[in-house]
Structure formats: structure tokens, C-alpha cells
Amino acid sequence: MEAAVQATVDRFGRLDALVTCAGVTEGRPLDETTDEQWHDVLTANLTSVFLCVRAALPALMAGGGAVVTLGSVLHRTAAPGLPAYAAAKGAIAALTRQLAVDYGRHGITFVTVSPGWIRTPATESRLSGDTDLERLRESNPLRTLGTPEEVAAAVAYAASPEAALLTGTELVLDGGASVTSPASLLRDGHRERLGLPPR
């Protein structure tokens, strides 16, 4: 990372932004998670952020800039069998807030972009066909899944000069799923008896 930062500064004269986007999951409950699996997930998802930011800080402190970390809504709403992943993503959001406090005086902003379900081949490989895909769509108010392009657009905005006052916070890209009550998934007959509007 230090060599990559130096190569960037040598070529462009400065470093404007850093985006940390590496990540892996290990789908198993805590009692079945080995020490090695736990450390592998935390290393890939969390320690990588520490190493990247530490390497980039001298260049960013010299002229200001932005750090965008990729989080996940799974530190806000849990899913079965992802304890190490959820812990790492929660720590990324906390670390991002801390860095915003510690380095804001140098003109550096820190933002976490936390996607929900994004329609990628990796996502679709975990689903059981169109039925699961439709359930995912119905789980958020916008009735849609995000795309990689939409995540990239949010990252580009967070790293841009237009977002100069955005720091120490999180952009959640989940179509509203993390703020939706489970009641939103009830069938229309049940929703009517509860006095809820139809879907």
C-alpha cells in the first residue's frame, strides 16, 4: 500500500481519494467458526482498511482529500450465520467515525458507504431462483435491488469535492430495507386487518 500511494503521488502529484473495497464472507454461526476463519474475515474486511488508510494518510494530510470505506447494512440488521462479517463491517463504520474526528482538521473527509442486497452474480448464487429474488425486492419500500453502478455512484459522490461537508457518517444504500418493519411483508389480507395500506 505504501508503494501504491507513492506511485500515485509520483504520477499525479497528489492523492485525492482512497476507497477501501476488499471483503470476504464466511457463512457459519459463531460456534462453528474457527479462529482461522474469524481472523481471515477480520483481516480481509477490517485490517485491510487500517493498513490502507494508514498508508494513505501522509499524502492525504498534505493536501486534504476523502476516504470512502465500504461497509454493509449487516452491521445494522443481522442475517443468519455472518458473525465475523457483521463484526468487521460494524467496526469499519466505527473506525470511519473515529478517523473523521481525528483527521478532519487536515481537510480529510471519511464516509462509509453501506450497501444492502446488490444484484451481482455473487448475490444471485446465494438465492433460490426468482422466488427469493422477489422476496428480496419486497423487503424494501422501493421494491428493487441495488446495482453495482449505483454503489459506484454513491462512492464517487462521497469522494468528490461536492461532498466536502459529508464526514463521519454512513450512506446506506438498501432501498429502505433497514428501516422497514417486518409488517411490511405481511399479505394484503393481514395488512388490511391491521389497518395498514396495501403493498
N, C-alpha and C. Protein backbone atom coordinates (compact mmCIF):
# COMPACT_ATOMS: atom_id res chain seq x y z
N MET A 1 0.83 -1.21 0.00
CA MET A 1 0.00 0.00 0.00
C MET A 1 0.86 1.26 0.00
N GLU A 2 1.94 1.23 0.75
CA GLU A 2 2.82 2.40 0.76
C GLU A 2 3.40 2.64 -0.63
N ALA A 3 3.76 1.56 -1.33
CA ALA A 3 4.30 1.70 -2.68
C ALA A 3 3.22 2.22 -3.63
N ALA A 4 1.98 1.75 -3.47
CA ALA A 4 0.89 2.20 -4.34
C ALA A 4 0.61 3.69 -4.14
N VAL A 5 0.61 4.12 -2.89
CA VAL A 5 0.40 5.55 -2.60
C VAL A 5 1.53 6.38 -3.19
N GLN A 6 2.75 5.92 -3.01
CA GLN A 6 3.90 6.68 -3.53
C GLN A 6 3.85 6.75 -5.05
N ALA A 7 3.48 5.65 -5.69
CA ALA A 7 3.38 5.64 -7.16
C ALA A 7 2.32 6.62 -7.64
N THR A 8 1.21 6.72 -6.90
CA THR A 8 0.15 7.66 -7.25
C THR A 8 0.63 9.10 -7.12
N VAL A 9 1.29 9.40 -6.02
CA VAL A 9 1.80 10.77 -5.81
C VAL A 9 2.86 11.11 -6.85
N ASP A 10 3.73 10.14 -7.17
CA ASP A 10 4.77 10.39 -8.18
C ASP A 10 4.15 10.71 -9.54
N ARG A 11 3.06 10.02 -9.87
CA ARG A 11 2.46 10.21 -11.19
C ARG A 11 1.57 11.44 -11.27
N PHE A 12 0.76 11.67 -10.23
CA PHE A 12 -0.23 12.74 -10.30
C PHE A 12 0.09 13.95 -9.43
N GLY A 13 1.09 13.83 -8.58
CA GLY A 13 1.48 14.95 -7.74
C GLY A 13 0.74 15.02 -6.41
N ARG A 14 -0.30 14.21 -6.24
CA ARG A 14 -1.08 14.24 -5.00
C ARG A 14 -1.97 12.99 -4.95
N LEU A 15 -2.60 12.79 -3.80
CA LEU A 15 -3.61 11.76 -3.64
C LEU A 15 -4.89 12.45 -3.23
N ASP A 16 -5.95 12.28 -4.01
CA ASP A 16 -7.23 12.95 -3.74
C ASP A 16 -8.18 12.08 -2.92
N ALA A 17 -8.16 10.78 -3.16
CA ALA A 17 -9.15 9.93 -2.51
C ALA A 17 -8.64 8.50 -2.38
N LEU A 18 -9.13 7.84 -1.35
CA LEU A 18 -8.87 6.42 -1.13
C LEU A 18 -10.22 5.74 -0.94
N VAL A 19 -10.43 4.64 -1.63
CA VAL A 19 -11.62 3.82 -1.45
C VAL A 19 -11.18 2.42 -1.04
N THR A 20 -11.68 1.96 0.11
CA THR A 20 -11.36 0.60 0.56
C THR A 20 -12.56 -0.29 0.29
N CYS A 21 -12.35 -1.34 -0.50
CA CYS A 21 -13.49 -2.10 -1.01
C CYS A 21 -13.27 -3.61 -0.95
N ALA A 22 -12.20 -4.08 -0.36
CA ALA A 22 -11.97 -5.53 -0.29
C ALA A 22 -12.89 -6.15 0.75
N GLY A 23 -13.29 -7.39 0.51
CA GLY A 23 -14.14 -8.05 1.50
C GLY A 23 -14.41 -9.50 1.18
N VAL A 24 -14.58 -10.28 2.22
CA VAL A 24 -14.96 -11.69 2.08
C VAL A 24 -16.01 -12.01 3.14
N THR A 25 -16.77 -13.06 2.91
CA THR A 25 -17.71 -13.54 3.92
C THR A 25 -17.38 -14.98 4.27
N GLU A 26 -17.81 -15.39 5.43
CA GLU A 26 -17.66 -16.78 5.89
C GLU A 26 -18.97 -17.14 6.56
N GLY A 27 -19.83 -17.83 5.82
CA GLY A 27 -21.18 -18.09 6.30
C GLY A 27 -21.29 -19.28 7.22
N ARG A 28 -21.20 -19.03 8.52
CA ARG A 28 -21.38 -20.08 9.52
C ARG A 28 -21.62 -19.42 10.88
N PRO A 29 -22.38 -20.07 11.75
CA PRO A 29 -22.63 -19.48 13.08
C PRO A 29 -21.36 -19.45 13.92
N LEU A 30 -21.40 -18.67 15.00
CA LEU A 30 -20.19 -18.44 15.80
C LEU A 30 -19.62 -19.72 16.38
N ASP A 31 -20.49 -20.63 16.85
CA ASP A 31 -19.97 -21.84 17.48
C ASP A 31 -19.30 -22.78 16.49
N GLU A 32 -19.48 -22.54 15.19
CA GLU A 32 -18.82 -23.35 14.17
C GLU A 32 -17.67 -22.60 13.50
N THR A 33 -17.38 -21.38 13.96
CA THR A 33 -16.33 -20.56 13.37
C THR A 33 -15.00 -20.84 14.05
N THR A 34 -13.99 -21.20 13.28
CA THR A 34 -12.67 -21.45 13.84
C THR A 34 -11.93 -20.13 14.03
N ASP A 35 -10.87 -20.18 14.81
CA ASP A 35 -10.03 -19.00 14.99
C ASP A 35 -9.53 -18.50 13.63
N GLU A 36 -9.11 -19.42 12.79
CA GLU A 36 -8.56 -19.04 11.49
C GLU A 36 -9.61 -18.36 10.63
N GLN A 37 -10.84 -18.90 10.59
CA GLN A 37 -11.91 -18.28 9.81
C GLN A 37 -12.25 -16.89 10.32
N TRP A 38 -12.32 -16.75 11.64
CA TRP A 38 -12.60 -15.44 12.25
C TRP A 38 -11.55 -14.42 11.84
N HIS A 39 -10.28 -14.79 11.99
CA HIS A 39 -9.20 -13.86 11.67
C HIS A 39 -9.12 -13.58 10.18
N ASP A 40 -9.40 -14.57 9.34
CA ASP A 40 -9.39 -14.34 7.89
C ASP A 40 -10.40 -13.28 7.49
N VAL A 41 -11.61 -13.36 8.04
CA VAL A 41 -12.66 -12.40 7.68
C VAL A 41 -12.32 -11.02 8.22
N LEU A 42 -11.85 -10.94 9.47
CA LEU A 42 -11.49 -9.63 10.02
C LEU A 42 -10.28 -9.02 9.32
N THR A 43 -9.34 -9.86 8.92
CA THR A 43 -8.18 -9.35 8.20
C THR A 43 -8.57 -8.77 6.85
N ALA A 44 -9.37 -9.52 6.10
CA ALA A 44 -9.76 -9.07 4.76
C ALA A 44 -10.66 -7.84 4.82
N ASN A 45 -11.59 -7.80 5.76
CA ASN A 45 -12.58 -6.74 5.79
C ASN A 45 -12.18 -5.52 6.63
N LEU A 46 -11.50 -5.74 7.74
CA LEU A 46 -11.22 -4.66 8.68
C LEU A 46 -9.74 -4.26 8.73
N THR A 47 -8.86 -5.23 8.91
CA THR A 47 -7.43 -4.89 8.98
C THR A 47 -6.96 -4.27 7.67
N SER A 48 -7.54 -4.69 6.56
CA SER A 48 -7.18 -4.11 5.27
C SER A 48 -7.48 -2.61 5.25
N VAL A 49 -8.59 -2.20 5.88
CA VAL A 49 -8.93 -0.77 5.94
C VAL A 49 -7.87 -0.02 6.75
N PHE A 50 -7.52 -0.57 7.89
CA PHE A 50 -6.48 0.04 8.73
C PHE A 50 -5.19 0.22 7.95
N LEU A 51 -4.75 -0.82 7.26
CA LEU A 51 -3.48 -0.76 6.53
C LEU A 51 -3.54 0.24 5.37
N CYS A 52 -4.66 0.26 4.64
CA CYS A 52 -4.79 1.17 3.50
C CYS A 52 -4.83 2.63 3.97
N VAL A 53 -5.64 2.91 4.98
CA VAL A 53 -5.76 4.29 5.46
C VAL A 53 -4.45 4.76 6.05
N ARG A 54 -3.80 3.92 6.83
CA ARG A 54 -2.52 4.32 7.43
C ARG A 54 -1.50 4.68 6.36
N ALA A 55 -1.47 3.89 5.28
CA ALA A 55 -0.51 4.17 4.21
C ALA A 55 -0.84 5.46 3.47
N ALA A 56 -2.14 5.77 3.35
CA ALA A 56 -2.56 6.94 2.57
C ALA A 56 -2.55 8.23 3.37
N LEU A 57 -2.58 8.15 4.68
CA LEU A 57 -2.73 9.36 5.49
C LEU A 57 -1.66 10.43 5.25
N PRO A 58 -0.38 10.10 5.15
CA PRO A 58 0.59 11.17 4.93
C PRO A 58 0.30 11.99 3.68
N ALA A 59 -0.05 11.31 2.59
CA ALA A 59 -0.35 12.04 1.35
C ALA A 59 -1.64 12.84 1.48
N LEU A 60 -2.65 12.27 2.13
CA LEU A 60 -3.91 12.99 2.30
C LEU A 60 -3.76 14.18 3.24
N MET A 61 -2.96 14.02 4.28
CA MET A 61 -2.75 15.11 5.23
C MET A 61 -2.01 16.28 4.58
N ALA A 62 -1.26 15.98 3.53
CA ALA A 62 -0.51 17.04 2.85
C ALA A 62 -1.41 17.96 2.04
N GLY A 63 -2.56 17.44 1.60
CA GLY A 63 -3.40 18.30 0.76
C GLY A 63 -4.89 18.10 0.92
N GLY A 64 -5.30 17.30 1.89
CA GLY A 64 -6.72 17.03 2.07
C GLY A 64 -7.21 16.00 1.06
N GLY A 65 -8.44 15.55 1.26
CA GLY A 65 -8.99 14.55 0.36
C GLY A 65 -10.10 13.78 1.04
N ALA A 66 -10.40 12.62 0.51
CA ALA A 66 -11.52 11.82 1.01
C ALA A 66 -11.12 10.36 1.16
N VAL A 67 -11.67 9.74 2.19
CA VAL A 67 -11.55 8.29 2.37
C VAL A 67 -12.97 7.73 2.40
N VAL A 68 -13.24 6.78 1.52
CA VAL A 68 -14.55 6.13 1.48
C VAL A 68 -14.34 4.65 1.79
N THR A 69 -14.98 4.20 2.85
CA THR A 69 -14.89 2.79 3.23
C THR A 69 -16.19 2.10 2.85
N LEU A 70 -16.08 0.86 2.41
CA LEU A 70 -17.27 0.09 2.06
C LEU A 70 -17.70 -0.74 3.25
N GLY A 71 -18.89 -0.44 3.74
CA GLY A 71 -19.45 -1.18 4.85
C GLY A 71 -20.54 -2.13 4.37
N SER A 72 -21.56 -2.31 5.20
CA SER A 72 -22.69 -3.17 4.86
C SER A 72 -23.83 -2.87 5.83
N VAL A 73 -25.05 -3.03 5.35
CA VAL A 73 -26.18 -2.88 6.27
C VAL A 73 -26.22 -4.00 7.30
N LEU A 74 -25.40 -5.04 7.12
CA LEU A 74 -25.43 -6.17 8.04
C LEU A 74 -24.80 -5.86 9.40
N HIS A 75 -24.32 -4.65 9.60
CA HIS A 75 -23.95 -4.27 10.96
C HIS A 75 -25.12 -3.54 11.62
N ARG A 76 -26.16 -3.25 10.84
CA ARG A 76 -27.37 -2.61 11.37
C ARG A 76 -28.49 -3.63 11.55
N THR A 77 -28.63 -4.52 10.57
CA THR A 77 -29.65 -5.57 10.62
C THR A 77 -28.95 -6.89 10.39
N ALA A 78 -29.10 -7.83 11.28
CA ALA A 78 -28.34 -9.07 11.22
C ALA A 78 -28.95 -10.06 10.23
N ALA A 79 -28.10 -10.90 9.68
CA ALA A 79 -28.51 -12.02 8.84
C ALA A 79 -27.90 -13.28 9.45
N PRO A 80 -28.53 -14.43 9.27
CA PRO A 80 -28.03 -15.65 9.90
C PRO A 80 -26.62 -16.02 9.45
N GLY A 81 -25.81 -16.42 10.40
CA GLY A 81 -24.54 -17.05 10.09
C GLY A 81 -23.43 -16.17 9.59
N LEU A 82 -23.42 -14.88 9.96
CA LEU A 82 -22.36 -13.99 9.49
C LEU A 82 -21.75 -13.19 10.64
N PRO A 83 -21.37 -13.84 11.74
CA PRO A 83 -20.89 -13.06 12.89
C PRO A 83 -19.59 -12.30 12.62
N ALA A 84 -18.63 -12.92 11.98
CA ALA A 84 -17.36 -12.23 11.73
C ALA A 84 -17.53 -11.10 10.73
N TYR A 85 -18.31 -11.34 9.70
CA TYR A 85 -18.55 -10.31 8.68
C TYR A 85 -19.27 -9.11 9.29
N ALA A 86 -20.34 -9.38 10.06
CA ALA A 86 -21.09 -8.28 10.68
C ALA A 86 -20.21 -7.50 11.65
N ALA A 87 -19.39 -8.21 12.42
CA ALA A 87 -18.50 -7.54 13.36
C ALA A 87 -17.51 -6.64 12.64
N ALA A 88 -16.95 -7.14 11.54
CA ALA A 88 -15.97 -6.36 10.78
C ALA A 88 -16.61 -5.13 10.16
N LYS A 89 -17.80 -5.28 9.59
CA LYS A 89 -18.46 -4.15 8.94
C LYS A 89 -18.90 -3.11 9.97
N GLY A 90 -19.34 -3.57 11.14
CA GLY A 90 -19.66 -2.62 12.21
C GLY A 90 -18.45 -1.85 12.66
N ALA A 91 -17.32 -2.54 12.74
CA ALA A 91 -16.07 -1.89 13.15
C ALA A 91 -15.61 -0.89 12.09
N ILE A 92 -15.85 -1.18 10.82
CA ILE A 92 -15.48 -0.23 9.76
C ILE A 92 -16.23 1.09 9.94
N ALA A 93 -17.54 1.00 10.20
CA ALA A 93 -18.33 2.22 10.41
C ALA A 93 -17.83 2.99 11.62
N ALA A 94 -17.50 2.28 12.70
CA ALA A 94 -16.99 2.94 13.90
C ALA A 94 -15.62 3.56 13.65
N LEU A 95 -14.76 2.84 12.96
CA LEU A 95 -13.43 3.36 12.64
C LEU A 95 -13.53 4.61 11.77
N THR A 96 -14.44 4.59 10.81
CA THR A 96 -14.64 5.75 9.93
C THR A 96 -15.05 6.98 10.72
N ARG A 97 -15.96 6.81 11.68
CA ARG A 97 -16.36 7.95 12.52
C ARG A 97 -15.17 8.48 13.32
N GLN A 98 -14.39 7.56 13.87
CA GLN A 98 -13.23 7.96 14.67
C GLN A 98 -12.21 8.73 13.83
N LEU A 99 -11.95 8.24 12.63
CA LEU A 99 -10.98 8.91 11.76
C LEU A 99 -11.46 10.29 11.36
N ALA A 100 -12.77 10.46 11.18
CA ALA A 100 -13.31 11.78 10.84
C ALA A 100 -13.01 12.78 11.94
N VAL A 101 -13.08 12.34 13.20
CA VAL A 101 -12.79 13.21 14.33
C VAL A 101 -11.29 13.50 14.42
N ASP A 102 -10.49 12.48 14.20
CA ASP A 102 -9.05 12.63 14.39
C ASP A 102 -8.36 13.41 13.27
N TYR A 103 -8.88 13.33 12.04
CA TYR A 103 -8.15 13.90 10.90
C TYR A 103 -8.92 14.95 10.12
N GLY A 104 -10.10 15.33 10.61
CA GLY A 104 -10.85 16.38 9.92
C GLY A 104 -10.09 17.68 9.81
N ARG A 105 -9.27 17.98 10.80
CA ARG A 105 -8.53 19.25 10.79
C ARG A 105 -7.54 19.33 9.63
N HIS A 106 -7.25 18.18 9.01
CA HIS A 106 -6.35 18.16 7.85
C HIS A 106 -7.12 18.26 6.54
N GLY A 107 -8.42 18.49 6.63
CA GLY A 107 -9.21 18.61 5.40
C GLY A 107 -9.54 17.28 4.76
N ILE A 108 -9.56 16.21 5.57
CA ILE A 108 -9.88 14.88 5.04
C ILE A 108 -11.27 14.49 5.52
N THR A 109 -12.10 14.03 4.61
CA THR A 109 -13.41 13.52 4.98
C THR A 109 -13.40 12.00 4.97
N PHE A 110 -14.25 11.42 5.82
CA PHE A 110 -14.33 9.96 5.95
C PHE A 110 -15.80 9.56 5.93
N VAL A 111 -16.17 8.72 5.00
CA VAL A 111 -17.56 8.29 4.83
C VAL A 111 -17.59 6.79 4.59
N THR A 112 -18.55 6.12 5.22
CA THR A 112 -18.81 4.71 4.94
C THR A 112 -20.01 4.60 4.02
N VAL A 113 -19.87 3.86 2.93
CA VAL A 113 -20.98 3.54 2.05
C VAL A 113 -21.39 2.10 2.35
N SER A 114 -22.62 1.92 2.81
CA SER A 114 -23.08 0.60 3.26
C SER A 114 -24.22 0.09 2.37
N PRO A 115 -23.91 -0.79 1.43
CA PRO A 115 -24.97 -1.34 0.58
C PRO A 115 -25.76 -2.43 1.30
N GLY A 116 -26.98 -2.60 0.84
CA GLY A 116 -27.78 -3.77 1.20
C GLY A 116 -27.56 -4.83 0.13
N TRP A 117 -28.65 -5.52 -0.24
CA TRP A 117 -28.55 -6.53 -1.29
C TRP A 117 -28.33 -5.83 -2.64
N ILE A 118 -27.24 -6.16 -3.28
CA ILE A 118 -26.91 -5.61 -4.59
C ILE A 118 -26.95 -6.75 -5.60
N ARG A 119 -27.57 -6.50 -6.73
CA ARG A 119 -27.73 -7.56 -7.72
C ARG A 119 -26.41 -7.81 -8.45
N THR A 120 -25.71 -8.82 -7.99
CA THR A 120 -24.45 -9.25 -8.59
C THR A 120 -24.50 -10.76 -8.76
N PRO A 121 -23.59 -11.34 -9.53
CA PRO A 121 -23.54 -12.80 -9.64
C PRO A 121 -23.36 -13.47 -8.27
N ALA A 122 -22.58 -12.85 -7.38
CA ALA A 122 -22.37 -13.42 -6.05
C ALA A 122 -23.68 -13.46 -5.26
N THR A 123 -24.48 -12.39 -5.37
CA THR A 123 -25.77 -12.36 -4.69
C THR A 123 -26.69 -13.44 -5.26
N GLU A 124 -26.78 -13.50 -6.56
CA GLU A 124 -27.70 -14.44 -7.19
C GLU A 124 -27.31 -15.89 -6.93
N SER A 125 -26.01 -16.14 -6.71
CA SER A 125 -25.58 -17.51 -6.42
C SER A 125 -26.07 -17.98 -5.05
N ARG A 126 -26.46 -17.04 -4.18
CA ARG A 126 -26.93 -17.39 -2.83
C ARG A 126 -28.45 -17.54 -2.78
N LEU A 127 -29.13 -17.24 -3.87
CA LEU A 127 -30.58 -17.25 -3.89
C LEU A 127 -31.12 -18.50 -4.56
N SER A 128 -32.36 -18.84 -4.22
CA SER A 128 -33.03 -19.99 -4.84
C SER A 128 -33.97 -19.50 -5.93
N GLY A 129 -33.39 -18.92 -6.98
CA GLY A 129 -34.18 -18.54 -8.13
C GLY A 129 -34.99 -17.28 -7.94
N ASP A 130 -36.01 -17.13 -8.81
CA ASP A 130 -36.80 -15.90 -8.87
C ASP A 130 -37.62 -15.66 -7.61
N THR A 131 -38.01 -16.75 -6.92
CA THR A 131 -38.83 -16.57 -5.71
C THR A 131 -38.07 -15.79 -4.65
N ASP A 132 -36.83 -16.19 -4.38
CA ASP A 132 -36.02 -15.46 -3.40
C ASP A 132 -35.74 -14.04 -3.87
N LEU A 133 -35.52 -13.88 -5.17
CA LEU A 133 -35.25 -12.54 -5.71
C LEU A 133 -36.44 -11.63 -5.48
N GLU A 134 -37.65 -12.15 -5.68
CA GLU A 134 -38.85 -11.36 -5.47
C GLU A 134 -39.04 -11.02 -4.00
N ARG A 135 -38.72 -11.97 -3.12
CA ARG A 135 -38.82 -11.68 -1.67
C ARG A 135 -37.86 -10.57 -1.28
N LEU A 136 -36.67 -10.59 -1.84
CA LEU A 136 -35.72 -9.52 -1.54
C LEU A 136 -36.26 -8.19 -2.02
N ARG A 137 -36.82 -8.17 -3.21
CA ARG A 137 -37.40 -6.92 -3.73
C ARG A 137 -38.50 -6.41 -2.80
N GLU A 138 -39.33 -7.31 -2.32
CA GLU A 138 -40.45 -6.91 -1.48
C GLU A 138 -40.01 -6.46 -0.09
N SER A 139 -38.76 -6.72 0.27
CA SER A 139 -38.31 -6.41 1.63
C SER A 139 -37.96 -4.94 1.81
N ASN A 140 -38.02 -4.15 0.75
CA ASN A 140 -37.74 -2.72 0.93
C ASN A 140 -38.80 -1.87 0.23
N PRO A 141 -38.98 -0.65 0.71
CA PRO A 141 -40.05 0.20 0.18
C PRO A 141 -39.94 0.49 -1.32
N LEU A 142 -38.73 0.49 -1.87
CA LEU A 142 -38.57 0.81 -3.28
C LEU A 142 -38.79 -0.40 -4.19
N ARG A 143 -38.95 -1.59 -3.59
CA ARG A 143 -39.22 -2.82 -4.35
C ARG A 143 -38.18 -3.06 -5.44
N THR A 144 -36.92 -2.89 -5.09
CA THR A 144 -35.87 -3.10 -6.07
C THR A 144 -34.58 -3.49 -5.37
N LEU A 145 -33.67 -4.07 -6.09
CA LEU A 145 -32.32 -4.32 -5.58
C LEU A 145 -31.38 -3.30 -6.20
N GLY A 146 -30.35 -2.95 -5.47
CA GLY A 146 -29.37 -2.02 -5.99
C GLY A 146 -28.49 -2.67 -7.05
N THR A 147 -27.78 -1.82 -7.77
CA THR A 147 -26.84 -2.29 -8.78
C THR A 147 -25.43 -1.84 -8.40
N PRO A 148 -24.42 -2.53 -8.91
CA PRO A 148 -23.04 -2.08 -8.66
C PRO A 148 -22.82 -0.64 -9.12
N GLU A 149 -23.48 -0.24 -10.20
CA GLU A 149 -23.32 1.12 -10.71
C GLU A 149 -23.86 2.15 -9.73
N GLU A 150 -24.94 1.81 -9.04
CA GLU A 150 -25.50 2.73 -8.05
C GLU A 150 -24.57 2.86 -6.84
N VAL A 151 -23.95 1.77 -6.44
CA VAL A 151 -22.97 1.83 -5.35
C VAL A 151 -21.78 2.68 -5.78
N ALA A 152 -21.31 2.46 -7.00
CA ALA A 152 -20.17 3.23 -7.51
C ALA A 152 -20.49 4.72 -7.55
N ALA A 153 -21.72 5.07 -7.92
CA ALA A 153 -22.10 6.48 -7.97
C ALA A 153 -22.08 7.10 -6.59
N ALA A 154 -22.53 6.36 -5.58
CA ALA A 154 -22.50 6.88 -4.20
C ALA A 154 -21.07 7.05 -3.72
N VAL A 155 -20.21 6.10 -4.06
CA VAL A 155 -18.79 6.20 -3.68
C VAL A 155 -18.15 7.41 -4.36
N ALA A 156 -18.45 7.59 -5.65
CA ALA A 156 -17.87 8.72 -6.39
C ALA A 156 -18.32 10.04 -5.78
N TYR A 157 -19.59 10.12 -5.39
CA TYR A 157 -20.08 11.35 -4.75
C TYR A 157 -19.37 11.58 -3.42
N ALA A 158 -19.29 10.54 -2.59
CA ALA A 158 -18.67 10.69 -1.27
C ALA A 158 -17.21 11.11 -1.37
N ALA A 159 -16.56 10.75 -2.47
CA ALA A 159 -15.14 11.09 -2.65
C ALA A 159 -14.94 12.42 -3.37
N SER A 160 -16.04 13.05 -3.79
CA SER A 160 -15.93 14.26 -4.62
C SER A 160 -15.89 15.54 -3.79
N PRO A 161 -15.42 16.63 -4.38
CA PRO A 161 -15.45 17.92 -3.69
C PRO A 161 -16.87 18.37 -3.34
N GLU A 162 -17.87 17.91 -4.10
CA GLU A 162 -19.26 18.28 -3.81
C GLU A 162 -19.73 17.76 -2.45
N ALA A 163 -19.05 16.74 -1.93
CA ALA A 163 -19.42 16.16 -0.64
C ALA A 163 -18.48 16.63 0.47
N ALA A 164 -17.97 17.84 0.33
CA ALA A 164 -16.94 18.34 1.25
C ALA A 164 -17.41 18.42 2.70
N LEU A 165 -18.71 18.54 2.95
CA LEU A 165 -19.22 18.61 4.33
C LEU A 165 -19.72 17.26 4.84
N LEU A 166 -19.59 16.24 4.04
CA LEU A 166 -20.06 14.91 4.43
C LEU A 166 -18.90 14.15 5.06
N THR A 167 -18.96 13.94 6.37
CA THR A 167 -17.89 13.21 7.03
C THR A 167 -18.38 12.58 8.32
N GLY A 168 -17.74 11.50 8.71
CA GLY A 168 -18.09 10.81 9.94
C GLY A 168 -19.45 10.18 9.90
N THR A 169 -19.94 9.88 8.71
CA THR A 169 -21.30 9.37 8.58
C THR A 169 -21.33 8.19 7.63
N GLU A 170 -22.55 7.71 7.39
CA GLU A 170 -22.73 6.49 6.61
C GLU A 170 -23.83 6.73 5.58
N LEU A 171 -23.58 6.35 4.34
CA LEU A 171 -24.60 6.36 3.30
C LEU A 171 -25.12 4.93 3.15
N VAL A 172 -26.39 4.73 3.46
CA VAL A 172 -26.99 3.40 3.42
C VAL A 172 -27.74 3.24 2.11
N LEU A 173 -27.37 2.23 1.33
CA LEU A 173 -27.97 2.00 0.01
C LEU A 173 -28.72 0.68 0.02
N ASP A 174 -29.90 0.68 0.61
CA ASP A 174 -30.65 -0.59 0.71
C ASP A 174 -32.12 -0.44 0.36
N GLY A 175 -32.48 0.66 -0.30
CA GLY A 175 -33.86 0.85 -0.69
C GLY A 175 -34.81 1.02 0.47
N GLY A 176 -34.26 1.31 1.65
CA GLY A 176 -35.09 1.49 2.85
C GLY A 176 -35.33 0.22 3.63
N ALA A 177 -34.69 -0.89 3.24
CA ALA A 177 -34.94 -2.18 3.91
C ALA A 177 -34.60 -2.14 5.39
N SER A 178 -33.53 -1.44 5.77
CA SER A 178 -33.10 -1.46 7.16
C SER A 178 -33.98 -0.62 8.08
N VAL A 179 -34.87 0.17 7.51
CA VAL A 179 -35.80 0.94 8.35
C VAL A 179 -37.24 0.46 8.19
N THR A 180 -37.41 -0.69 7.54
CA THR A 180 -38.73 -1.22 7.26
C THR A 180 -39.14 -2.23 8.32
N SER A 181 -40.35 -2.09 8.83
CA SER A 181 -40.88 -3.06 9.78
C SER A 181 -41.19 -4.37 9.08
N PRO A 182 -41.02 -5.50 9.79
CA PRO A 182 -41.42 -6.78 9.19
C PRO A 182 -42.90 -6.80 8.78
N ALA A 183 -43.70 -5.91 9.36
CA ALA A 183 -45.12 -5.85 8.99
C ALA A 183 -45.29 -5.51 7.51
N SER A 184 -44.27 -4.90 6.91
CA SER A 184 -44.39 -4.54 5.51
C SER A 184 -44.44 -5.75 4.60
N LEU A 185 -44.05 -6.93 5.13
CA LEU A 185 -44.04 -8.14 4.32
C LEU A 185 -45.32 -8.94 4.45
N LEU A 186 -46.24 -8.50 5.30
CA LEU A 186 -47.48 -9.26 5.50
C LEU A 186 -48.33 -9.26 4.23
N ARG A 187 -49.10 -10.32 4.06
CA ARG A 187 -50.03 -10.39 2.94
C ARG A 187 -51.08 -9.30 3.09
N ASP A 188 -51.67 -8.94 1.96
CA ASP A 188 -52.61 -7.81 1.96
C ASP A 188 -53.77 -8.01 2.92
N GLY A 189 -54.29 -9.26 3.06
CA GLY A 189 -55.39 -9.51 3.98
C GLY A 189 -55.01 -9.20 5.42
N HIS A 190 -53.81 -9.62 5.81
CA HIS A 190 -53.33 -9.34 7.16
C HIS A 190 -53.08 -7.84 7.34
N ARG A 191 -52.54 -7.22 6.30
CA ARG A 191 -52.27 -5.77 6.39
C ARG A 191 -53.58 -5.01 6.57
N GLU A 192 -54.64 -5.45 5.89
CA GLU A 192 -55.92 -4.77 5.99
C GLU A 192 -56.48 -4.89 7.42
N ARG A 193 -56.35 -6.09 8.03
CA ARG A 193 -56.87 -6.28 9.39
C ARG A 193 -56.10 -5.42 10.39
N LEU A 194 -54.82 -5.14 10.10
CA LEU A 194 -54.01 -4.31 10.99
C LEU A 194 -54.14 -2.83 10.69
N GLY A 195 -54.95 -2.51 9.68
CA GLY A 195 -55.12 -1.12 9.33
C GLY A 195 -53.97 -0.54 8.53
N LEU A 196 -53.18 -1.43 7.90
CA LEU A 196 -52.04 -0.99 7.10
C LEU A 196 -52.46 -0.86 5.64
N PRO A 197 -51.86 0.06 4.90
CA PRO A 197 -52.21 0.19 3.47
C PRO A 197 -51.73 -1.03 2.69
N PRO A 198 -52.38 -1.33 1.57
CA PRO A 198 -51.92 -2.45 0.74
C PRO A 198 -50.53 -2.16 0.18
N ARG A 199 -49.81 -3.25 -0.16
CA ARG A 199 -48.47 -3.05 -0.71
C ARG A 199 -48.54 -2.47 -2.10
